[in-house]
Structure formats: C-alpha cells, structure tokens
Amino acid sequence: MVENAGTYLLFYDLSEKNMSYTINAQVRTDLGKGSSRRLRHAGQVPAVIYGPGKEAVSISIIHKDVINLQLNEDFYTTDLTLVIDGKEVKVRVQDVQRHAFKPMVEHFDFKYA
C-alpha cells in the first residue's frame, strides 16, 4: 500500500501484520529497587506479568532481545509469547518504562492475554 504524505511516499508491507513475537524470560526471586538496578546493569530488563484471577509473576528479559522488537508498532497490539522456564505464556504489553534520555527500556508490565 502506498500513501502520499506530503512530499514523502510511505510504503507499508501488509504481509508483516501477522507477526508473532517470542521472547525468552526467567522468573526472578530478588525483588526491589536494588535488584532491578543490578539486573539493568547486567543487561536485563525487569518485568512483571499480571492479570485478573492469576498471581503476579516477576520476570527478567535480556535487553537486547526486546530493544529492537519494541520499535515495531505491532509489538504493543498483538499477543506475545513469553517462554518462562520452558513454559509458553501468552501476554500483551500493558506498560513500558523507558530511560529519560538513553535508548533503553527500564521496565515492562505484561498482562495475561
């Protein structure tokens, strides 16, 4: 599909709309500000999964696995698959906290899909 946006032509590839995202994650037992800072320093992103009727789970994700994925619009609107200790969990992005001036993700909130 081609749209004319002023003097620029924008090209959309409609075949990529059905992308699926799979991200590896680990359950984390150390909670709190200090633990989250240590994770970020080690190149990981702290995250939490929650939803109605289910217990909240704190996880960590490798930052380089999600930094490029989160640039796609579909990342925020489609169901993601988190692989946690070999178990697949369907989630959606609820909230993202980014660093104020560095290109870094500080925290993800996921909601059970």
PDB file of N, CA and C in Angstrom:
ATOM      1  N   MET A   1       0.854  -1.158   0.000  1.00  0.00           N
ATOM      2  CA  MET A   1       0.000   0.000   0.000  1.00  0.00           C
ATOM      3  C   MET A   1       0.905   1.227   0.000  1.00  0.00           C
ATOM      4  N   VAL A   2       0.549   2.210  -0.799  1.00  0.00           N
ATOM      5  CA  VAL A   2       1.327   3.432  -0.891  1.00  0.00           C
ATOM      6  C   VAL A   2       0.418   4.596  -0.543  1.00  0.00           C
ATOM      7  N   GLU A   3       0.891   5.461   0.346  1.00  0.00           N
ATOM      8  CA  GLU A   3       0.150   6.666   0.692  1.00  0.00           C
ATOM      9  C   GLU A   3       1.028   7.860   0.390  1.00  0.00           C
ATOM     10  N   ASN A   4       0.407   8.931  -0.030  1.00  0.00           N
ATOM     11  CA  ASN A   4       1.142  10.150  -0.280  1.00  0.00           C
ATOM     12  C   ASN A   4       1.033  11.019   0.961  1.00  0.00           C
ATOM     13  N   ALA A   5       2.135  11.240   1.638  1.00  0.00           N
ATOM     14  CA  ALA A   5       2.154  12.059   2.849  1.00  0.00           C
ATOM     15  C   ALA A   5       2.975  13.309   2.563  1.00  0.00           C
ATOM     16  N   GLY A   6       2.360  14.263   1.935  1.00  0.00           N
ATOM     17  CA  GLY A   6       3.093  15.468   1.559  1.00  0.00           C
ATOM     18  C   GLY A   6       4.045  15.137   0.436  1.00  0.00           C
ATOM     19  N   THR A   7       5.312  15.417   0.633  1.00  0.00           N
ATOM     20  CA  THR A   7       6.307  15.130  -0.394  1.00  0.00           C
ATOM     21  C   THR A   7       6.949  13.768  -0.223  1.00  0.00           C
ATOM     22  N   TYR A   8       6.539  13.020   0.807  1.00  0.00           N
ATOM     23  CA  TYR A   8       7.118  11.710   1.072  1.00  0.00           C
ATOM     24  C   TYR A   8       6.136  10.620   0.684  1.00  0.00           C
ATOM     25  N   LEU A   9       6.642   9.520   0.202  1.00  0.00           N
ATOM     26  CA  LEU A   9       5.825   8.343  -0.045  1.00  0.00           C
ATOM     27  C   LEU A   9       6.108   7.333   1.049  1.00  0.00           C
ATOM     28  N   LEU A  10       5.062   6.841   1.678  1.00  0.00           N
ATOM     29  CA  LEU A  10       5.208   5.854   2.740  1.00  0.00           C
ATOM     30  C   LEU A  10       4.779   4.503   2.207  1.00  0.00           C
ATOM     31  N   PHE A  11       5.599   3.487   2.398  1.00  0.00           N
ATOM     32  CA  PHE A  11       5.303   2.140   1.942  1.00  0.00           C
ATOM     33  C   PHE A  11       5.011   1.261   3.144  1.00  0.00           C
ATOM     34  N   TYR A  12       3.917   0.528   3.074  1.00  0.00           N
ATOM     35  CA  TYR A  12       3.536  -0.396   4.133  1.00  0.00           C
ATOM     36  C   TYR A  12       3.528  -1.803   3.571  1.00  0.00           C
ATOM     37  N   ASP A  13       4.120  -2.717   4.278  1.00  0.00           N
ATOM     38  CA  ASP A  13       4.085  -4.120   3.890  1.00  0.00           C
ATOM     39  C   ASP A  13       3.013  -4.800   4.729  1.00  0.00           C
ATOM     40  N   LEU A  14       1.863  -5.058   4.133  1.00  0.00           N
ATOM     41  CA  LEU A  14       0.739  -5.622   4.872  1.00  0.00           C
ATOM     42  C   LEU A  14       0.954  -7.076   5.244  1.00  0.00           C
ATOM     43  N   SER A  15       1.937  -7.735   4.632  1.00  0.00           N
ATOM     44  CA  SER A  15       2.182  -9.139   4.952  1.00  0.00           C
ATOM     45  C   SER A  15       2.793  -9.305   6.342  1.00  0.00           C
ATOM     46  N   GLU A  16       3.392  -8.263   6.892  1.00  0.00           N
ATOM     47  CA  GLU A  16       4.024  -8.353   8.203  1.00  0.00           C
ATOM     48  C   GLU A  16       3.047  -8.130   9.346  1.00  0.00           C
ATOM     49  N   LYS A  17       1.788  -7.890   9.079  1.00  0.00           N
ATOM     50  CA  LYS A  17       0.823  -7.589  10.134  1.00  0.00           C
ATOM     51  C   LYS A  17       0.544  -8.779  11.036  1.00  0.00           C
ATOM     52  N   ASN A  18       0.786  -9.988  10.569  1.00  0.00           N
ATOM     53  CA  ASN A  18       0.510 -11.171  11.373  1.00  0.00           C
ATOM     54  C   ASN A  18       1.788 -11.729  11.987  1.00  0.00           C
ATOM     55  N   MET A  19       2.638 -10.857  12.448  1.00  0.00           N
ATOM     56  CA  MET A  19       3.888 -11.298  13.057  1.00  0.00           C
ATOM     57  C   MET A  19       3.610 -11.841  14.450  1.00  0.00           C
ATOM     58  N   SER A  20       4.423 -12.796  14.844  1.00  0.00           N
ATOM     59  CA  SER A  20       4.329 -13.303  16.210  1.00  0.00           C
ATOM     60  C   SER A  20       5.676 -13.069  16.878  1.00  0.00           C
ATOM     61  N   TYR A  21       5.621 -12.735  18.139  1.00  0.00           N
ATOM     62  CA  TYR A  21       6.826 -12.435  18.895  1.00  0.00           C
ATOM     63  C   TYR A  21       6.991 -13.463  19.997  1.00  0.00           C
ATOM     64  N   THR A  22       8.173 -14.041  20.086  1.00  0.00           N
ATOM     65  CA  THR A  22       8.500 -14.988  21.148  1.00  0.00           C
ATOM     66  C   THR A  22       9.736 -14.467  21.868  1.00  0.00           C
ATOM     67  N   ILE A  23       9.615 -14.334  23.187  1.00  0.00           N
ATOM     68  CA  ILE A  23      10.690 -13.775  23.994  1.00  0.00           C
ATOM     69  C   ILE A  23      10.997 -14.740  25.131  1.00  0.00           C
ATOM     70  N   ASN A  24      12.272 -15.017  25.346  1.00  0.00           N
ATOM     71  CA  ASN A  24      12.685 -15.860  26.470  1.00  0.00           C
ATOM     72  C   ASN A  24      12.777 -15.009  27.730  1.00  0.00           C
ATOM     73  N   ALA A  25      12.309 -15.559  28.837  1.00  0.00           N
ATOM     74  CA  ALA A  25      12.327 -14.841  30.113  1.00  0.00           C
ATOM     75  C   ALA A  25      12.656 -15.813  31.230  1.00  0.00           C
ATOM     76  N   GLN A  26      13.055 -15.252  32.362  1.00  0.00           N
ATOM     77  CA  GLN A  26      13.357 -16.056  33.547  1.00  0.00           C
ATOM     78  C   GLN A  26      12.599 -15.477  34.730  1.00  0.00           C
ATOM     79  N   VAL A  27      12.119 -16.354  35.597  1.00  0.00           N
ATOM     80  CA  VAL A  27      11.477 -15.902  36.829  1.00  0.00           C
ATOM     81  C   VAL A  27      12.560 -15.339  37.733  1.00  0.00           C
ATOM     82  N   ARG A  28      12.266 -14.219  38.371  1.00  0.00           N
ATOM     83  CA  ARG A  28      13.239 -13.646  39.302  1.00  0.00           C
ATOM     84  C   ARG A  28      12.679 -13.669  40.714  1.00  0.00           C
ATOM     85  N   THR A  29      13.549 -13.985  41.642  1.00  0.00           N
ATOM     86  CA  THR A  29      13.132 -14.072  43.041  1.00  0.00           C
ATOM     87  C   THR A  29      13.562 -12.848  43.829  1.00  0.00           C
ATOM     88  N   ASP A  30      14.649 -12.204  43.412  1.00  0.00           N
ATOM     89  CA  ASP A  30      15.091 -10.978  44.079  1.00  0.00           C
ATOM     90  C   ASP A  30      14.244  -9.819  43.572  1.00  0.00           C
ATOM     91  N   LEU A  31      13.564  -9.152  44.482  1.00  0.00           N
ATOM     92  CA  LEU A  31      12.685  -8.048  44.116  1.00  0.00           C
ATOM     93  C   LEU A  31      13.201  -6.758  44.740  1.00  0.00           C
ATOM     94  N   GLY A  32      12.720  -5.644  44.245  1.00  0.00           N
ATOM     95  CA  GLY A  32      13.077  -4.355  44.823  1.00  0.00           C
ATOM     96  C   GLY A  32      13.939  -3.514  43.908  1.00  0.00           C
ATOM     97  N   LYS A  33      14.197  -2.289  44.365  1.00  0.00           N
ATOM     98  CA  LYS A  33      14.942  -1.321  43.575  1.00  0.00           C
ATOM     99  C   LYS A  33      16.383  -1.763  43.320  1.00  0.00           C
ATOM    100  N   GLY A  34      17.058  -2.235  44.359  1.00  0.00           N
ATOM    101  CA  GLY A  34      18.455  -2.648  44.210  1.00  0.00           C
ATOM    102  C   GLY A  34      18.609  -3.816  43.256  1.00  0.00           C
ATOM    103  N   SER A  35      17.722  -4.773  43.375  1.00  0.00           N
ATOM    104  CA  SER A  35      17.755  -5.938  42.494  1.00  0.00           C
ATOM    105  C   SER A  35      17.495  -5.536  41.044  1.00  0.00           C
ATOM    106  N   SER A  36      16.532  -4.640  40.833  1.00  0.00           N
ATOM    107  CA  SER A  36      16.227  -4.173  39.481  1.00  0.00           C
ATOM    108  C   SER A  36      17.405  -3.421  38.885  1.00  0.00           C
ATOM    109  N   ARG A  37      18.080  -2.637  39.690  1.00  0.00           N
ATOM    110  CA  ARG A  37      19.258  -1.912  39.201  1.00  0.00           C
ATOM    111  C   ARG A  37      20.373  -2.874  38.812  1.00  0.00           C
ATOM    112  N   ARG A  38      20.563  -3.921  39.601  1.00  0.00           N
ATOM    113  CA  ARG A  38      21.591  -4.915  39.265  1.00  0.00           C
ATOM    114  C   ARG A  38      21.241  -5.631  37.958  1.00  0.00           C
ATOM    115  N   LEU A  39      19.958  -5.924  37.755  1.00  0.00           N
ATOM    116  CA  LEU A  39      19.532  -6.558  36.501  1.00  0.00           C
ATOM    117  C   LEU A  39      19.832  -5.651  35.311  1.00  0.00           C
ATOM    118  N   ARG A  40      19.469  -4.384  35.428  1.00  0.00           N
ATOM    119  CA  ARG A  40      19.704  -3.447  34.329  1.00  0.00           C
ATOM    120  C   ARG A  40      21.198  -3.313  34.036  1.00  0.00           C
ATOM    121  N   HIS A  41      22.002  -3.279  35.072  1.00  0.00           N
ATOM    122  CA  HIS A  41      23.452  -3.181  34.902  1.00  0.00           C
ATOM    123  C   HIS A  41      24.003  -4.430  34.199  1.00  0.00           C
ATOM    124  N   ALA A  42      23.346  -5.566  34.385  1.00  0.00           N
ATOM    125  CA  ALA A  42      23.763  -6.824  33.756  1.00  0.00           C
ATOM    126  C   ALA A  42      23.154  -7.008  32.366  1.00  0.00           C
ATOM    127  N   GLY A  43      22.449  -5.991  31.847  1.00  0.00           N
ATOM    128  CA  GLY A  43      21.891  -6.073  30.502  1.00  0.00           C
ATOM    129  C   GLY A  43      20.540  -6.754  30.429  1.00  0.00           C
ATOM    130  N   GLN A  44      19.801  -6.748  31.529  1.00  0.00           N
ATOM    131  CA  GLN A  44      18.472  -7.349  31.546  1.00  0.00           C
ATOM    132  C   GLN A  44      17.429  -6.300  31.908  1.00  0.00           C
ATOM    133  N   VAL A  45      16.176  -6.623  31.631  1.00  0.00           N
ATOM    134  CA  VAL A  45      15.064  -5.727  31.921  1.00  0.00           C
ATOM    135  C   VAL A  45      14.140  -6.414  32.912  1.00  0.00           C
ATOM    136  N   PRO A  46      13.863  -5.794  34.059  1.00  0.00           N
ATOM    137  CA  PRO A  46      12.872  -6.367  34.970  1.00  0.00           C
ATOM    138  C   PRO A  46      11.473  -6.183  34.391  1.00  0.00           C
ATOM    139  N   ALA A  47      10.606  -7.141  34.656  1.00  0.00           N
ATOM    140  CA  ALA A  47       9.240  -7.081  34.141  1.00  0.00           C
ATOM    141  C   ALA A  47       8.317  -7.818  35.092  1.00  0.00           C
ATOM    142  N   VAL A  48       7.027  -7.593  34.913  1.00  0.00           N
ATOM    143  CA  VAL A  48       6.025  -8.274  35.723  1.00  0.00           C
ATOM    144  C   VAL A  48       4.869  -8.673  34.807  1.00  0.00           C
ATOM    145  N   ILE A  49       4.274  -9.833  35.105  1.00  0.00           N
ATOM    146  CA  ILE A  49       3.085 -10.303  34.389  1.00  0.00           C
ATOM    147  C   ILE A  49       1.964 -10.378  35.409  1.00  0.00           C
ATOM    148  N   TYR A  50       0.812  -9.805  35.069  1.00  0.00           N
ATOM    149  CA  TYR A  50      -0.319  -9.859  35.988  1.00  0.00           C
ATOM    150  C   TYR A  50      -1.611  -9.930  35.193  1.00  0.00           C
ATOM    151  N   GLY A  51      -2.690 -10.206  35.879  1.00  0.00           N
ATOM    152  CA  GLY A  51      -3.993 -10.270  35.249  1.00  0.00           C
ATOM    153  C   GLY A  51      -5.038 -10.716  36.238  1.00  0.00           C
ATOM    154  N   PRO A  52      -6.296 -10.566  35.879  1.00  0.00           N
ATOM    155  CA  PRO A  52      -7.372 -10.932  36.802  1.00  0.00           C
ATOM    156  C   PRO A  52      -7.405 -12.437  37.056  1.00  0.00           C
ATOM    157  N   GLY A  53      -7.479 -12.794  38.319  1.00  0.00           N
ATOM    158  CA  GLY A  53      -7.589 -14.200  38.692  1.00  0.00           C
ATOM    159  C   GLY A  53      -6.295 -14.979  38.649  1.00  0.00           C
ATOM    160  N   LYS A  54      -5.193 -14.320  38.338  1.00  0.00           N
ATOM    161  CA  LYS A  54      -3.902 -15.007  38.282  1.00  0.00           C
ATOM    162  C   LYS A  54      -2.901 -14.253  39.149  1.00  0.00           C
ATOM    163  N   GLU A  55      -1.951 -14.994  39.668  1.00  0.00           N
ATOM    164  CA  GLU A  55      -0.935 -14.400  40.529  1.00  0.00           C
ATOM    165  C   GLU A  55       0.101 -13.654  39.690  1.00  0.00           C
ATOM    166  N   ALA A  56       0.568 -12.524  40.199  1.00  0.00           N
ATOM    167  CA  ALA A  56       1.599 -11.750  39.510  1.00  0.00           C
ATOM    168  C   ALA A  56       2.926 -12.504  39.555  1.00  0.00           C
ATOM    169  N   VAL A  57       3.661 -12.445  38.441  1.00  0.00           N
ATOM    170  CA  VAL A  57       4.948 -13.126  38.329  1.00  0.00           C
ATOM    171  C   VAL A  57       5.995 -12.094  37.922  1.00  0.00           C
ATOM    172  N   SER A  58       7.075 -12.010  38.682  1.00  0.00           N
ATOM    173  CA  SER A  58       8.186 -11.119  38.345  1.00  0.00           C
ATOM    174  C   SER A  58       9.181 -11.888  37.485  1.00  0.00           C
ATOM    175  N   ILE A  59       9.566 -11.286  36.367  1.00  0.00           N
ATOM    176  CA  ILE A  59      10.467 -11.943  35.424  1.00  0.00           C
ATOM    177  C   ILE A  59      11.567 -10.978  35.010  1.00  0.00           C
ATOM    178  N   SER A  60      12.557 -11.501  34.310  1.00  0.00           N
ATOM    179  CA  SER A  60      13.590 -10.667  33.698  1.00  0.00           C
ATOM    180  C   SER A  60      13.776 -11.116  32.255  1.00  0.00           C
ATOM    181  N   ILE A  61      14.067 -10.142  31.401  1.00  0.00           N
ATOM    182  CA  ILE A  61      14.228 -10.369  29.964  1.00  0.00           C
ATOM    183  C   ILE A  61      15.566  -9.761  29.556  1.00  0.00           C
ATOM    184  N   ILE A  62      16.247 -10.379  28.627  1.00  0.00           N
ATOM    185  CA  ILE A  62      17.504  -9.824  28.124  1.00  0.00           C
ATOM    186  C   ILE A  62      17.188  -8.591  27.278  1.00  0.00           C
ATOM    187  N   HIS A  63      17.845  -7.482  27.597  1.00  0.00           N
ATOM    188  CA  HIS A  63      17.531  -6.192  26.976  1.00  0.00           C
ATOM    189  C   HIS A  63      17.695  -6.221  25.461  1.00  0.00           C
ATOM    190  N   LYS A  64      18.766  -6.826  24.975  1.00  0.00           N
ATOM    191  CA  LYS A  64      18.995  -6.823  23.526  1.00  0.00           C
ATOM    192  C   LYS A  64      17.944  -7.638  22.774  1.00  0.00           C
ATOM    193  N   ASP A  65      17.230  -8.538  23.463  1.00  0.00           N
ATOM    194  CA  ASP A  65      16.158  -9.298  22.818  1.00  0.00           C
ATOM    195  C   ASP A  65      14.927  -8.442  22.551  1.00  0.00           C
ATOM    196  N   VAL A  66      14.697  -7.417  23.360  1.00  0.00           N
ATOM    197  CA  VAL A  66      13.470  -6.631  23.218  1.00  0.00           C
ATOM    198  C   VAL A  66      13.686  -5.220  22.694  1.00  0.00           C
ATOM    199  N   ILE A  67      14.908  -4.725  22.688  1.00  0.00           N
ATOM    200  CA  ILE A  67      15.121  -3.336  22.293  1.00  0.00           C
ATOM    201  C   ILE A  67      14.709  -3.091  20.843  1.00  0.00           C
ATOM    202  N   ASN A  68      14.984  -4.017  19.945  1.00  0.00           N
ATOM    203  CA  ASN A  68      14.586  -3.834  18.552  1.00  0.00           C
ATOM    204  C   ASN A  68      13.134  -4.230  18.314  1.00  0.00           C
ATOM    205  N   LEU A  69      12.648  -5.221  19.049  1.00  0.00           N
ATOM    206  CA  LEU A  69      11.251  -5.634  18.891  1.00  0.00           C
ATOM    207  C   LEU A  69      10.290  -4.522  19.265  1.00  0.00           C
ATOM    208  N   GLN A  70      10.605  -3.778  20.320  1.00  0.00           N
ATOM    209  CA  GLN A  70       9.685  -2.769  20.803  1.00  0.00           C
ATOM    210  C   GLN A  70       9.602  -1.552  19.882  1.00  0.00           C
ATOM    211  N   LEU A  71      10.424  -1.495  18.855  1.00  0.00           N
ATOM    212  CA  LEU A  71      10.329  -0.412  17.884  1.00  0.00           C
ATOM    213  C   LEU A  71       9.182  -0.628  16.901  1.00  0.00           C
ATOM    214  N   ASN A  72       8.688  -1.868  16.781  1.00  0.00           N
ATOM    215  CA  ASN A  72       7.567  -2.171  15.888  1.00  0.00           C
ATOM    216  C   ASN A  72       6.249  -1.842  16.569  1.00  0.00           C
ATOM    217  N   GLU A  73       5.324  -1.254  15.828  1.00  0.00           N
ATOM    218  CA  GLU A  73       4.002  -0.930  16.372  1.00  0.00           C
ATOM    219  C   GLU A  73       3.259  -2.180  16.818  1.00  0.00           C
ATOM    220  N   ASP A  74       3.406  -3.254  16.060  1.00  0.00           N
ATOM    221  CA  ASP A  74       2.672  -4.489  16.350  1.00  0.00           C
ATOM    222  C   ASP A  74       3.058  -5.091  17.691  1.00  0.00           C
ATOM    223  N   PHE A  75       4.216  -4.766  18.188  1.00  0.00           N
ATOM    224  CA  PHE A  75       4.677  -5.299  19.468  1.00  0.00           C
ATOM    225  C   PHE A  75       3.705  -4.942  20.589  1.00  0.00           C
ATOM    226  N   TYR A  76       3.072  -3.793  20.483  1.00  0.00           N
ATOM    227  CA  TYR A  76       2.184  -3.309  21.542  1.00  0.00           C
ATOM    228  C   TYR A  76       0.731  -3.735  21.363  1.00  0.00           C
ATOM    229  N   THR A  77       0.372  -4.219  20.186  1.00  0.00           N
ATOM    230  CA  THR A  77      -1.035  -4.527  19.921  1.00  0.00           C
ATOM    231  C   THR A  77      -1.319  -6.008  19.705  1.00  0.00           C
ATOM    232  N   THR A  78      -0.300  -6.829  19.577  1.00  0.00           N
ATOM    233  CA  THR A  78      -0.517  -8.258  19.356  1.00  0.00           C
ATOM    234  C   THR A  78      -0.137  -9.050  20.599  1.00  0.00           C
ATOM    235  N   ASP A  79      -0.604 -10.282  20.643  1.00  0.00           N
ATOM    236  CA  ASP A  79      -0.236 -11.172  21.742  1.00  0.00           C
ATOM    237  C   ASP A  79       1.211 -11.617  21.564  1.00  0.00           C
ATOM    238  N   LEU A  80       1.968 -11.552  22.638  1.00  0.00           N
ATOM    239  CA  LEU A  80       3.353 -12.010  22.648  1.00  0.00           C
ATOM    240  C   LEU A  80       3.412 -13.356  23.339  1.00  0.00           C
ATOM    241  N   THR A  81       4.403 -14.142  23.012  1.00  0.00           N
ATOM    242  CA  THR A  81       4.628 -15.411  23.697  1.00  0.00           C
ATOM    243  C   THR A  81       5.900 -15.285  24.519  1.00  0.00           C
ATOM    244  N   LEU A  82       5.756 -15.396  25.824  1.00  0.00           N
ATOM    245  CA  LEU A  82       6.915 -15.420  26.710  1.00  0.00           C
ATOM    246  C   LEU A  82       7.211 -16.866  27.058  1.00  0.00           C
ATOM    247  N   VAL A  83       8.446 -17.288  26.879  1.00  0.00           N
ATOM    248  CA  VAL A  83       8.863 -18.633  27.254  1.00  0.00           C
ATOM    249  C   VAL A  83       9.571 -18.513  28.600  1.00  0.00           C
ATOM    250  N   ILE A  84       8.874 -18.955  29.655  1.00  0.00           N
ATOM    251  CA  ILE A  84       9.387 -18.844  31.016  1.00  0.00           C
ATOM    252  C   ILE A  84       9.652 -20.245  31.530  1.00  0.00           C
ATOM    253  N   ASP A  85      10.920 -20.572  31.711  1.00  0.00           N
ATOM    254  CA  ASP A  85      11.324 -21.896  32.189  1.00  0.00           C
ATOM    255  C   ASP A  85      10.704 -23.012  31.348  1.00  0.00           C
ATOM    256  N   GLY A  86      10.694 -22.842  30.030  1.00  0.00           N
ATOM    257  CA  GLY A  86      10.179 -23.851  29.120  1.00  0.00           C
ATOM    258  C   GLY A  86       8.674 -23.838  28.934  1.00  0.00           C
ATOM    259  N   LYS A  87       7.969 -22.979  29.636  1.00  0.00           N
ATOM    260  CA  LYS A  87       6.514 -22.885  29.550  1.00  0.00           C
ATOM    261  C   LYS A  87       6.129 -21.639  28.765  1.00  0.00           C
ATOM    262  N   GLU A  88       5.234 -21.787  27.793  1.00  0.00           N
ATOM    263  CA  GLU A  88       4.810 -20.649  26.988  1.00  0.00           C
ATOM    264  C   GLU A  88       3.618 -19.957  27.634  1.00  0.00           C
ATOM    265  N   VAL A  89       3.697 -18.625  27.706  1.00  0.00           N
ATOM    266  CA  VAL A  89       2.637 -17.816  28.294  1.00  0.00           C
ATOM    267  C   VAL A  89       2.289 -16.712  27.305  1.00  0.00           C
ATOM    268  N   LYS A  90       1.005 -16.563  26.985  1.00  0.00           N
ATOM    269  CA  LYS A  90       0.542 -15.506  26.084  1.00  0.00           C
ATOM    270  C   LYS A  90       0.264 -14.251  26.901  1.00  0.00           C
ATOM    271  N   VAL A  91       0.862 -13.135  26.472  1.00  0.00           N
ATOM    272  CA  VAL A  91       0.707 -11.871  27.187  1.00  0.00           C
ATOM    273  C   VAL A  91       0.549 -10.725  26.188  1.00  0.00           C
ATOM    274  N   ARG A  92       0.172  -9.574  26.712  1.00  0.00           N
ATOM    275  CA  ARG A  92       0.157  -8.322  25.961  1.00  0.00           C
ATOM    276  C   ARG A  92       0.903  -7.267  26.750  1.00  0.00           C
ATOM    277  N   VAL A  93       1.507  -6.333  26.053  1.00  0.00           N
ATOM    278  CA  VAL A  93       2.219  -5.249  26.725  1.00  0.00           C
ATOM    279  C   VAL A  93       1.188  -4.302  27.328  1.00  0.00           C
ATOM    280  N   GLN A  94       1.306  -4.048  28.617  1.00  0.00           N
ATOM    281  CA  GLN A  94       0.415  -3.126  29.308  1.00  0.00           C
ATOM    282  C   GLN A  94       1.088  -1.764  29.491  1.00  0.00           C
ATOM    283  N   ASP A  95       2.376  -1.777  29.846  1.00  0.00           N
ATOM    284  CA  ASP A  95       3.080  -0.524  30.099  1.00  0.00           C
ATOM    285  C   ASP A  95       4.577  -0.728  29.864  1.00  0.00           C
ATOM    286  N   VAL A  96       5.235   0.319  29.403  1.00  0.00           N
ATOM    287  CA  VAL A  96       6.679   0.294  29.188  1.00  0.00           C
ATOM    288  C   VAL A  96       7.270   1.538  29.835  1.00  0.00           C
ATOM    289  N   GLN A  97       8.314   1.354  30.616  1.00  0.00           N
ATOM    290  CA  GLN A  97       9.035   2.490  31.186  1.00  0.00           C
ATOM    291  C   GLN A  97      10.386   2.569  30.497  1.00  0.00           C
ATOM    292  N   ARG A  98      10.664   3.741  29.930  1.00  0.00           N
ATOM    293  CA  ARG A  98      11.913   3.944  29.202  1.00  0.00           C
ATOM    294  C   ARG A  98      12.814   4.912  29.965  1.00  0.00           C
ATOM    295  N   HIS A  99      14.103   4.802  29.683  1.00  0.00           N
ATOM    296  CA  HIS A  99      15.067   5.731  30.264  1.00  0.00           C
ATOM    297  C   HIS A  99      14.800   7.122  29.697  1.00  0.00           C
ATOM    298  N   ALA A 100      15.074   8.148  30.492  1.00  0.00           N
ATOM    299  CA  ALA A 100      14.757   9.515  30.092  1.00  0.00           C
ATOM    300  C   ALA A 100      15.500   9.972  28.838  1.00  0.00           C
ATOM    301  N   PHE A 101      16.764   9.607  28.678  1.00  0.00           N
ATOM    302  CA  PHE A 101      17.493  10.080  27.505  1.00  0.00           C
ATOM    303  C   PHE A 101      18.330   9.017  26.815  1.00  0.00           C
ATOM    304  N   LYS A 102      18.494   7.846  27.400  1.00  0.00           N
ATOM    305  CA  LYS A 102      19.212   6.755  26.746  1.00  0.00           C
ATOM    306  C   LYS A 102      18.218   5.863  26.010  1.00  0.00           C
ATOM    307  N   PRO A 103      18.651   5.211  24.941  1.00  0.00           N
ATOM    308  CA  PRO A 103      17.736   4.297  24.236  1.00  0.00           C
ATOM    309  C   PRO A 103      17.638   2.959  24.970  1.00  0.00           C
ATOM    310  N   MET A 104      17.040   2.993  26.149  1.00  0.00           N
ATOM    311  CA  MET A 104      16.937   1.796  26.982  1.00  0.00           C
ATOM    312  C   MET A 104      15.516   1.638  27.508  1.00  0.00           C
ATOM    313  N   VAL A 105      15.112   0.383  27.654  1.00  0.00           N
ATOM    314  CA  VAL A 105      13.849   0.068  28.313  1.00  0.00           C
ATOM    315  C   VAL A 105      14.176  -0.241  29.765  1.00  0.00           C
ATOM    316  N   GLU A 106      13.445   0.370  30.693  1.00  0.00           N
ATOM    317  CA  GLU A 106      13.719   0.173  32.120  1.00  0.00           C
ATOM    318  C   GLU A 106      12.832  -0.892  32.748  1.00  0.00           C
ATOM    319  N   HIS A 107      11.586  -1.031  32.260  1.00  0.00           N
ATOM    320  CA  HIS A 107      10.663  -1.990  32.882  1.00  0.00           C
ATOM    321  C   HIS A 107       9.489  -2.252  31.945  1.00  0.00           C
ATOM    322  N   PHE A 108       9.016  -3.490  31.936  1.00  0.00           N
ATOM    323  CA  PHE A 108       7.815  -3.871  31.191  1.00  0.00           C
ATOM    324  C   PHE A 108       6.745  -4.341  32.153  1.00  0.00           C
ATOM    325  N   ASP A 109       5.504  -3.999  31.867  1.00  0.00           N
ATOM    326  CA  ASP A 109       4.339  -4.599  32.511  1.00  0.00           C
ATOM    327  C   ASP A 109       3.608  -5.381  31.429  1.00  0.00           C
ATOM    328  N   PHE A 110       3.396  -6.662  31.666  1.00  0.00           N
ATOM    329  CA  PHE A 110       2.648  -7.505  30.745  1.00  0.00           C
ATOM    330  C   PHE A 110       1.353  -7.931  31.415  1.00  0.00           C
ATOM    331  N   LYS A 111       0.317  -8.108  30.605  1.00  0.00           N
ATOM    332  CA  LYS A 111      -0.964  -8.582  31.106  1.00  0.00           C
ATOM    333  C   LYS A 111      -1.268  -9.904  30.416  1.00  0.00           C
ATOM    334  N   TYR A 112      -1.764 -10.866  31.184  1.00  0.00           N
ATOM    335  CA  TYR A 112      -2.122 -12.158  30.597  1.00  0.00           C
ATOM    336  C   TYR A 112      -3.146 -11.952  29.483  1.00  0.00           C
ATOM    337  N   ALA A 113      -2.932 -12.607  28.348  1.00  0.00           N
ATOM    338  CA  ALA A 113      -3.850 -12.477  27.207  1.00  0.00           C
ATOM    339  C   ALA A 113      -4.984 -13.477  27.313  1.00  0.00           C
TER     340      ALA A 113
END
